[in-house]
Amino acid sequence: INLKTLVKEGRLSADVPLQPGDMLFV
């Protein structure tokens, strides 16, 4: 997941909902 694009370009419609147990790694 390209968080840079989501945040800087404001493409929040493409943001990914998390499910229980998910881990976000940066």
PDB file of all heavy atoms in Angstrom:
ATOM      1  N   ILE A   1       0.849  -1.182   0.000  1.00  0.00           N
ATOM      2  CA  ILE A   1       0.000   0.000   0.000  1.00  0.00           C
ATOM      3  C   ILE A   1       0.888   1.237   0.000  1.00  0.00           C
ATOM      4  O   ILE A   1       1.810   1.352   0.814  1.00  0.00           O
ATOM      5  CB  ILE A   1      -0.970   0.009   1.204  1.00  0.00           C
ATOM      6  CG1 ILE A   1      -1.797   1.293   1.213  1.00  0.00           C
ATOM      7  CG2 ILE A   1      -0.241  -0.189   2.528  1.00  0.00           C
ATOM      8  CD1 ILE A   1      -2.927   1.276   2.214  1.00  0.00           C
ATOM      9  N   ASN A   2       0.629   2.146  -0.937  1.00  0.00           N
ATOM     10  CA  ASN A   2       1.408   3.369  -1.078  1.00  0.00           C
ATOM     11  C   ASN A   2       0.754   4.463  -0.237  1.00  0.00           C
ATOM     12  O   ASN A   2      -0.097   5.216  -0.718  1.00  0.00           O
ATOM     13  CB  ASN A   2       1.482   3.783  -2.549  1.00  0.00           C
ATOM     14  CG  ASN A   2       2.464   4.914  -2.783  1.00  0.00           C
ATOM     15  OD1 ASN A   2       2.748   5.706  -1.873  1.00  0.00           O
ATOM     16  ND2 ASN A   2       2.977   5.015  -3.997  1.00  0.00           N
ATOM     17  N   LEU A   3       1.158   4.546   1.019  1.00  0.00           N
ATOM     18  CA  LEU A   3       0.588   5.556   1.910  1.00  0.00           C
ATOM     19  C   LEU A   3       1.001   6.962   1.494  1.00  0.00           C
ATOM     20  O   LEU A   3       0.291   7.931   1.770  1.00  0.00           O
ATOM     21  CB  LEU A   3       1.022   5.281   3.344  1.00  0.00           C
ATOM     22  CG  LEU A   3       0.464   4.005   3.979  1.00  0.00           C
ATOM     23  CD1 LEU A   3       1.112   3.752   5.331  1.00  0.00           C
ATOM     24  CD2 LEU A   3      -1.047   4.086   4.126  1.00  0.00           C
ATOM     25  N   LYS A   4       2.144   7.083   0.839  1.00  0.00           N
ATOM     26  CA  LYS A   4       2.612   8.395   0.386  1.00  0.00           C
ATOM     27  C   LYS A   4       1.625   9.000  -0.603  1.00  0.00           C
ATOM     28  O   LYS A   4       1.270  10.180  -0.512  1.00  0.00           O
ATOM     29  CB  LYS A   4       3.989   8.252  -0.259  1.00  0.00           C
ATOM     30  CG  LYS A   4       4.591   9.570  -0.726  1.00  0.00           C
ATOM     31  CD  LYS A   4       5.991   9.344  -1.294  1.00  0.00           C
ATOM     32  CE  LYS A   4       6.626  10.653  -1.740  1.00  0.00           C
ATOM     33  NZ  LYS A   4       7.985  10.440  -2.273  1.00  0.00           N
ATOM     34  N   THR A   5       1.163   8.178  -1.551  1.00  0.00           N
ATOM     35  CA  THR A   5       0.189   8.659  -2.532  1.00  0.00           C
ATOM     36  C   THR A   5      -1.137   9.005  -1.872  1.00  0.00           C
ATOM     37  O   THR A   5      -1.751  10.035  -2.163  1.00  0.00           O
ATOM     38  CB  THR A   5      -0.041   7.594  -3.623  1.00  0.00           C
ATOM     39  OG1 THR A   5       1.201   7.327  -4.283  1.00  0.00           O
ATOM     40  CG2 THR A   5      -1.064   8.056  -4.632  1.00  0.00           C
ATOM     41  N   LEU A   6      -1.578   8.133  -0.952  1.00  0.00           N
ATOM     42  CA  LEU A   6      -2.850   8.373  -0.274  1.00  0.00           C
ATOM     43  C   LEU A   6      -2.842   9.684   0.492  1.00  0.00           C
ATOM     44  O   LEU A   6      -3.804  10.457   0.444  1.00  0.00           O
ATOM     45  CB  LEU A   6      -3.156   7.218   0.676  1.00  0.00           C
ATOM     46  CG  LEU A   6      -3.468   5.854   0.061  1.00  0.00           C
ATOM     47  CD1 LEU A   6      -3.712   4.829   1.155  1.00  0.00           C
ATOM     48  CD2 LEU A   6      -4.670   5.940  -0.850  1.00  0.00           C
ATOM     49  N   VAL A   7      -1.741   9.932   1.212  1.00  0.00           N
ATOM     50  CA  VAL A   7      -1.673  11.100   2.083  1.00  0.00           C
ATOM     51  C   VAL A   7      -1.385  12.379   1.304  1.00  0.00           C
ATOM     52  O   VAL A   7      -2.084  13.375   1.434  1.00  0.00           O
ATOM     53  CB  VAL A   7      -0.610  10.884   3.181  1.00  0.00           C
ATOM     54  CG1 VAL A   7      -0.397  12.170   3.971  1.00  0.00           C
ATOM     55  CG2 VAL A   7      -1.037   9.761   4.114  1.00  0.00           C
ATOM     56  N   LYS A   8      -0.342  12.356   0.460  1.00  0.00           N
ATOM     57  CA  LYS A   8       0.080  13.587  -0.223  1.00  0.00           C
ATOM     58  C   LYS A   8      -0.882  14.019  -1.315  1.00  0.00           C
ATOM     59  O   LYS A   8      -1.064  15.208  -1.549  1.00  0.00           O
ATOM     60  CB  LYS A   8       1.480  13.397  -0.799  1.00  0.00           C
ATOM     61  CG  LYS A   8       2.571  13.409   0.266  1.00  0.00           C
ATOM     62  CD  LYS A   8       3.952  13.563  -0.364  1.00  0.00           C
ATOM     63  CE  LYS A   8       5.002  13.799   0.715  1.00  0.00           C
ATOM     64  NZ  LYS A   8       6.352  14.023   0.137  1.00  0.00           N
ATOM     65  N   GLU A   9      -1.482  13.037  -2.009  1.00  0.00           N
ATOM     66  CA  GLU A   9      -2.386  13.372  -3.102  1.00  0.00           C
ATOM     67  C   GLU A   9      -3.846  13.357  -2.677  1.00  0.00           C
ATOM     68  O   GLU A   9      -4.731  13.623  -3.488  1.00  0.00           O
ATOM     69  CB  GLU A   9      -2.160  12.412  -4.271  1.00  0.00           C
ATOM     70  CG  GLU A   9      -0.757  12.487  -4.857  1.00  0.00           C
ATOM     71  CD  GLU A   9      -0.566  11.569  -6.038  1.00  0.00           C
ATOM     72  OE1 GLU A   9      -1.585  10.982  -6.504  1.00  0.00           O
ATOM     73  OE2 GLU A   9       0.572  11.425  -6.504  1.00  0.00           O
ATOM     74  N   GLY A  10      -4.093  13.025  -1.417  1.00  0.00           N
ATOM     75  CA  GLY A  10      -5.457  13.049  -0.900  1.00  0.00           C
ATOM     76  C   GLY A  10      -6.365  12.007  -1.510  1.00  0.00           C
ATOM     77  O   GLY A  10      -7.586  12.197  -1.572  1.00  0.00           O
ATOM     78  N   ARG A  11      -5.806  10.868  -1.941  1.00  0.00           N
ATOM     79  CA  ARG A  11      -6.620   9.821  -2.568  1.00  0.00           C
ATOM     80  C   ARG A  11      -7.183   8.889  -1.502  1.00  0.00           C
ATOM     81  O   ARG A  11      -6.953   7.682  -1.506  1.00  0.00           O
ATOM     82  CB  ARG A  11      -5.780   9.047  -3.577  1.00  0.00           C
ATOM     83  CG  ARG A  11      -5.305   9.875  -4.754  1.00  0.00           C
ATOM     84  CD  ARG A  11      -4.385   9.090  -5.660  1.00  0.00           C
ATOM     85  NE  ARG A  11      -5.036   7.861  -6.125  1.00  0.00           N
ATOM     86  CZ  ARG A  11      -4.404   6.903  -6.801  1.00  0.00           C
ATOM     87  NH1 ARG A  11      -3.122   7.029  -7.071  1.00  0.00           N
ATOM     88  NH2 ARG A  11      -5.054   5.816  -7.174  1.00  0.00           N
ATOM     89  N   LEU A  12      -7.954   9.453  -0.613  1.00  0.00           N
ATOM     90  CA  LEU A  12      -8.451   8.668   0.520  1.00  0.00           C
ATOM     91  C   LEU A  12      -9.538   7.677   0.118  1.00  0.00           C
ATOM     92  O   LEU A  12      -9.855   6.764   0.877  1.00  0.00           O
ATOM     93  CB  LEU A  12      -8.965   9.602   1.611  1.00  0.00           C
ATOM     94  CG  LEU A  12      -7.907  10.566   2.179  1.00  0.00           C
ATOM     95  CD1 LEU A  12      -8.491  11.391   3.308  1.00  0.00           C
ATOM     96  CD2 LEU A  12      -6.682   9.796   2.658  1.00  0.00           C
ATOM     97  N   SER A  13     -10.086   7.845  -1.078  1.00  0.00           N
ATOM     98  CA  SER A  13     -11.076   6.868  -1.548  1.00  0.00           C
ATOM     99  C   SER A  13     -10.433   5.511  -1.785  1.00  0.00           C
ATOM    100  O   SER A  13     -11.116   4.489  -1.801  1.00  0.00           O
ATOM    101  CB  SER A  13     -11.739   7.363  -2.834  1.00  0.00           C
ATOM    102  OG  SER A  13     -10.764   7.537  -3.856  1.00  0.00           O
ATOM    103  N   ALA A  14      -9.104   5.508  -1.985  1.00  0.00           N
ATOM    104  CA  ALA A  14      -8.378   4.255  -2.196  1.00  0.00           C
ATOM    105  C   ALA A  14      -7.793   3.709  -0.903  1.00  0.00           C
ATOM    106  O   ALA A  14      -7.059   2.720  -0.927  1.00  0.00           O
ATOM    107  CB  ALA A  14      -7.265   4.468  -3.227  1.00  0.00           C
ATOM    108  N   ASP A  15      -8.105   4.339   0.221  1.00  0.00           N
ATOM    109  CA  ASP A  15      -7.597   3.876   1.510  1.00  0.00           C
ATOM    110  C   ASP A  15      -8.141   2.480   1.800  1.00  0.00           C
ATOM    111  O   ASP A  15      -9.263   2.143   1.400  1.00  0.00           O
ATOM    112  CB  ASP A  15      -8.030   4.839   2.612  1.00  0.00           C
ATOM    113  CG  ASP A  15      -7.078   4.841   3.786  1.00  0.00           C
ATOM    114  OD1 ASP A  15      -6.169   3.996   3.807  1.00  0.00           O
ATOM    115  OD2 ASP A  15      -7.243   5.687   4.676  1.00  0.00           O
ATOM    116  N   VAL A  16      -7.352   1.669   2.504  1.00  0.00           N
ATOM    117  CA  VAL A  16      -7.701   0.262   2.718  1.00  0.00           C
ATOM    118  C   VAL A  16      -8.243   0.062   4.128  1.00  0.00           C
ATOM    119  O   VAL A  16      -7.547   0.340   5.108  1.00  0.00           O
ATOM    120  CB  VAL A  16      -6.464  -0.643   2.517  1.00  0.00           C
ATOM    121  CG1 VAL A  16      -6.822  -2.104   2.766  1.00  0.00           C
ATOM    122  CG2 VAL A  16      -5.895  -0.457   1.117  1.00  0.00           C
ATOM    123  N   PRO A  17      -9.481  -0.416   4.284  1.00  0.00           N
ATOM    124  CA  PRO A  17      -9.996  -0.723   5.624  1.00  0.00           C
ATOM    125  C   PRO A  17      -9.263  -1.919   6.216  1.00  0.00           C
ATOM    126  O   PRO A  17      -9.017  -2.908   5.527  1.00  0.00           O
ATOM    127  CB  PRO A  17     -11.476  -1.052   5.376  1.00  0.00           C
ATOM    128  CG  PRO A  17     -11.772  -0.546   3.997  1.00  0.00           C
ATOM    129  CD  PRO A  17     -10.488  -0.631   3.239  1.00  0.00           C
ATOM    130  N   LEU A  18      -8.932  -1.837   7.486  1.00  0.00           N
ATOM    131  CA  LEU A  18      -8.274  -2.948   8.161  1.00  0.00           C
ATOM    132  C   LEU A  18      -9.299  -3.936   8.682  1.00  0.00           C
ATOM    133  O   LEU A  18     -10.426  -3.575   9.007  1.00  0.00           O
ATOM    134  CB  LEU A  18      -7.419  -2.437   9.318  1.00  0.00           C
ATOM    135  CG  LEU A  18      -6.268  -1.504   8.955  1.00  0.00           C
ATOM    136  CD1 LEU A  18      -5.462  -1.152  10.200  1.00  0.00           C
ATOM    137  CD2 LEU A  18      -5.362  -2.125   7.901  1.00  0.00           C
ATOM    138  N   GLN A  19      -8.889  -5.191   8.754  1.00  0.00           N
ATOM    139  CA  GLN A  19      -9.692  -6.237   9.354  1.00  0.00           C
ATOM    140  C   GLN A  19      -9.053  -6.670  10.664  1.00  0.00           C
ATOM    141  O   GLN A  19      -7.860  -6.440  10.888  1.00  0.00           O
ATOM    142  CB  GLN A  19      -9.805  -7.433   8.401  1.00  0.00           C
ATOM    143  CG  GLN A  19     -10.543  -7.122   7.118  1.00  0.00           C
ATOM    144  CD  GLN A  19     -10.662  -8.330   6.211  1.00  0.00           C
ATOM    145  OE1 GLN A  19     -10.365  -9.459   6.607  1.00  0.00           O
ATOM    146  NE2 GLN A  19     -11.097  -8.117   4.987  1.00  0.00           N
ATOM    147  N   PRO A  20      -9.828  -7.295  11.568  1.00  0.00           N
ATOM    148  CA  PRO A  20      -9.245  -7.746  12.835  1.00  0.00           C
ATOM    149  C   PRO A  20      -8.030  -8.642  12.609  1.00  0.00           C
ATOM    150  O   PRO A  20      -8.065  -9.560  11.797  1.00  0.00           O
ATOM    151  CB  PRO A  20     -10.397  -8.520  13.486  1.00  0.00           C
ATOM    152  CG  PRO A  20     -11.630  -7.873  12.934  1.00  0.00           C
ATOM    153  CD  PRO A  20     -11.288  -7.538  11.515  1.00  0.00           C
ATOM    154  N   GLY A  21      -6.947  -8.345  13.323  1.00  0.00           N
ATOM    155  CA  GLY A  21      -5.729  -9.128  13.211  1.00  0.00           C
ATOM    156  C   GLY A  21      -4.738  -8.611  12.181  1.00  0.00           C
ATOM    157  O   GLY A  21      -3.619  -9.112  12.095  1.00  0.00           O
ATOM    158  N   ASP A  22      -5.122  -7.596  11.395  1.00  0.00           N
ATOM    159  CA  ASP A  22      -4.211  -7.046  10.387  1.00  0.00           C
ATOM    160  C   ASP A  22      -3.012  -6.372  11.046  1.00  0.00           C
ATOM    161  O   ASP A  22      -3.106  -5.832  12.150  1.00  0.00           O
ATOM    162  CB  ASP A  22      -4.927  -6.013   9.517  1.00  0.00           C
ATOM    163  CG  ASP A  22      -5.768  -6.651   8.433  1.00  0.00           C
ATOM    164  OD1 ASP A  22      -5.802  -7.892   8.362  1.00  0.00           O
ATOM    165  OD2 ASP A  22      -6.410  -5.905   7.670  1.00  0.00           O
ATOM    166  N   MET A  23      -1.887  -6.392  10.325  1.00  0.00           N
ATOM    167  CA  MET A  23      -0.702  -5.666  10.766  1.00  0.00           C
ATOM    168  C   MET A  23      -0.240  -4.741   9.654  1.00  0.00           C
ATOM    169  O   MET A  23      -0.009  -5.184   8.512  1.00  0.00           O
ATOM    170  CB  MET A  23       0.434  -6.596  11.150  1.00  0.00           C
ATOM    171  CG  MET A  23       1.664  -5.833  11.650  1.00  0.00           C
ATOM    172  SD  MET A  23       2.974  -6.931  12.249  1.00  0.00           S
ATOM    173  CE  MET A  23       3.505  -7.657  10.703  1.00  0.00           C
ATOM    174  N   LEU A  24      -0.108  -3.440   9.952  1.00  0.00           N
ATOM    175  CA  LEU A  24       0.412  -2.454   9.020  1.00  0.00           C
ATOM    176  C   LEU A  24       1.903  -2.274   9.300  1.00  0.00           C
ATOM    177  O   LEU A  24       2.292  -1.891  10.408  1.00  0.00           O
ATOM    178  CB  LEU A  24      -0.332  -1.125   9.186  1.00  0.00           C
ATOM    179  CG  LEU A  24       0.190   0.049   8.349  1.00  0.00           C
ATOM    180  CD1 LEU A  24       0.035  -0.243   6.859  1.00  0.00           C
ATOM    181  CD2 LEU A  24      -0.539   1.330   8.723  1.00  0.00           C
ATOM    182  N   PHE A  25       2.734  -2.572   8.294  1.00  0.00           N
ATOM    183  CA  PHE A  25       4.190  -2.487   8.439  1.00  0.00           C
ATOM    184  C   PHE A  25       4.720  -1.363   7.561  1.00  0.00           C
ATOM    185  O   PHE A  25       4.442  -1.318   6.361  1.00  0.00           O
ATOM    186  CB  PHE A  25       4.833  -3.817   8.038  1.00  0.00           C
ATOM    187  CG  PHE A  25       6.336  -3.776   7.971  1.00  0.00           C
ATOM    188  CD1 PHE A  25       7.099  -3.690   9.129  1.00  0.00           C
ATOM    189  CD2 PHE A  25       6.979  -3.828   6.743  1.00  0.00           C
ATOM    190  CE1 PHE A  25       8.486  -3.656   9.065  1.00  0.00           C
ATOM    191  CE2 PHE A  25       8.365  -3.794   6.666  1.00  0.00           C
ATOM    192  CZ  PHE A  25       9.122  -3.709   7.827  1.00  0.00           C
ATOM    193  N   VAL A  26       5.492  -0.430   8.159  1.00  0.00           N
ATOM    194  CA  VAL A  26       6.104   0.673   7.427  1.00  0.00           C
ATOM    195  C   VAL A  26       7.622   0.475   7.456  1.00  0.00           C
ATOM    196  O   VAL A  26       8.229   0.559   8.532  1.00  0.00           O
ATOM    197  CB  VAL A  26       5.731   2.037   8.042  1.00  0.00           C
ATOM    198  CG1 VAL A  26       6.368   3.165   7.238  1.00  0.00           C
ATOM    199  CG2 VAL A  26       4.213   2.212   8.095  1.00  0.00           C
TER     200      VAL A  26
END
